[in-house]
Protein backbone atom coordinates (compact mmCIF):
# COMPACT_ATOMS: atom_id res chain seq x y z
CA UNK A 1 161.83 -265.19 54.16
CA UNK A 2 165.50 -265.00 55.06
CA UNK A 3 166.55 -265.60 58.63
CA UNK A 4 168.46 -262.94 60.52
CA UNK A 5 171.40 -263.75 62.77
CA UNK A 6 171.50 -262.67 66.40
CA UNK A 7 173.78 -259.66 65.79
CA UNK A 8 172.34 -258.71 62.42
CA UNK A 9 169.55 -256.19 61.97
CA UNK A 10 166.50 -257.20 59.95
CA UNK A 11 166.11 -255.38 56.65
CA UNK A 12 164.52 -251.99 57.21
CA UNK A 13 165.56 -251.57 60.83
CA UNK A 14 167.19 -248.22 61.45
CA UNK A 15 168.13 -248.89 65.10
CA UNK A 16 168.07 -251.93 67.34
CA UNK A 17 166.25 -250.07 70.12
CA UNK A 18 162.55 -251.01 70.11
CA UNK A 19 161.42 -247.38 70.33
CA UNK A 20 163.28 -246.29 67.20
CA UNK A 21 161.51 -245.90 63.87
CA UNK A 22 161.61 -248.56 61.22
CA UNK A 23 162.10 -247.58 57.61
CA UNK A 24 158.60 -247.13 56.28
CA UNK A 25 157.01 -246.11 59.60
CA UNK A 26 154.90 -243.04 59.06
CA UNK A 27 156.11 -239.98 60.97
CA UNK A 28 152.66 -239.48 62.53
CA UNK A 29 152.40 -243.04 63.87
CA UNK A 30 153.45 -242.20 67.44
CA UNK A 31 151.21 -239.13 67.56
CA UNK A 32 148.21 -241.12 66.29
CA UNK A 33 148.84 -243.85 68.85
CA UNK A 34 149.13 -241.23 71.59
CA UNK A 35 145.81 -239.68 70.56
CA UNK A 36 144.11 -243.10 70.60
CA UNK A 37 145.46 -243.88 74.07
CA UNK A 38 144.41 -240.50 75.42
CA UNK A 39 140.90 -240.87 73.94
CA UNK A 40 140.50 -244.31 75.51
CA UNK A 41 141.69 -242.95 78.86
CA UNK A 42 139.22 -240.06 78.66
CA UNK A 43 136.43 -242.58 77.97
CA UNK A 44 137.28 -244.58 81.10
CA UNK A 45 137.56 -241.41 83.20
CA UNK A 46 134.13 -240.34 81.95
CA UNK A 47 132.67 -243.72 82.93
CA UNK A 48 134.01 -243.32 86.46
CA UNK A 49 132.90 -239.67 86.68
CA UNK A 50 129.36 -240.52 85.57
CA UNK A 51 129.19 -243.29 88.19
CA UNK A 52 128.61 -245.93 85.53
CA UNK A 53 130.32 -248.57 87.68
CA UNK A 54 128.02 -251.30 88.96
CA UNK A 55 130.14 -252.03 92.01
CA UNK A 56 133.55 -251.50 93.59
CA UNK A 57 135.10 -254.32 91.54
CA UNK A 58 134.04 -252.57 88.31
CA UNK A 59 135.46 -249.30 89.64
CA UNK A 60 138.78 -250.98 90.47
CA UNK A 61 138.85 -252.57 87.01
CA UNK A 62 138.38 -249.19 85.30
CA UNK A 63 140.93 -247.57 87.61
CA UNK A 64 143.45 -250.27 86.68
CA UNK A 65 142.81 -249.67 82.99
CA UNK A 66 143.37 -245.94 83.47
CA UNK A 67 146.64 -246.60 85.29
CA UNK A 68 147.76 -248.94 82.49
CA UNK A 69 146.89 -246.33 79.87
CA UNK A 70 148.80 -243.70 81.88
CA UNK A 71 151.88 -245.95 81.69
CA UNK A 72 151.41 -246.49 77.94
CA UNK A 73 150.91 -242.76 77.36
CA UNK A 74 154.10 -242.02 79.30
CA UNK A 75 156.11 -244.48 77.19
CA UNK A 76 154.58 -243.14 73.98
CA UNK A 77 155.57 -239.58 74.92
CA UNK A 78 159.08 -240.71 75.82
CA UNK A 79 159.42 -242.50 72.47
CA UNK A 80 158.14 -239.43 70.63
CA UNK A 81 160.61 -237.21 72.51
CA UNK A 82 163.49 -239.50 71.52
CA UNK A 83 162.40 -239.60 67.89
CA UNK A 84 162.16 -235.83 67.68
CA UNK A 85 165.57 -235.27 69.33
């Protein structure tokens, strides 16, 4: 494997920004990732809504996971918006 210099782009990189597509990335990749994140979030919300939490610490843990997924979903939507622009 050839090494890449600091200012050189690796083979297949279209842009240096981390949210840009690489050559070979499937056009549905971001949408599929978004759907997976949203499904996982819905699962955690359902657990909280059905009162499946043993105690307050479990509730806080699930709430933190939901907040983390909300952040990831936001970044995924922003990346998708940039790719479609």
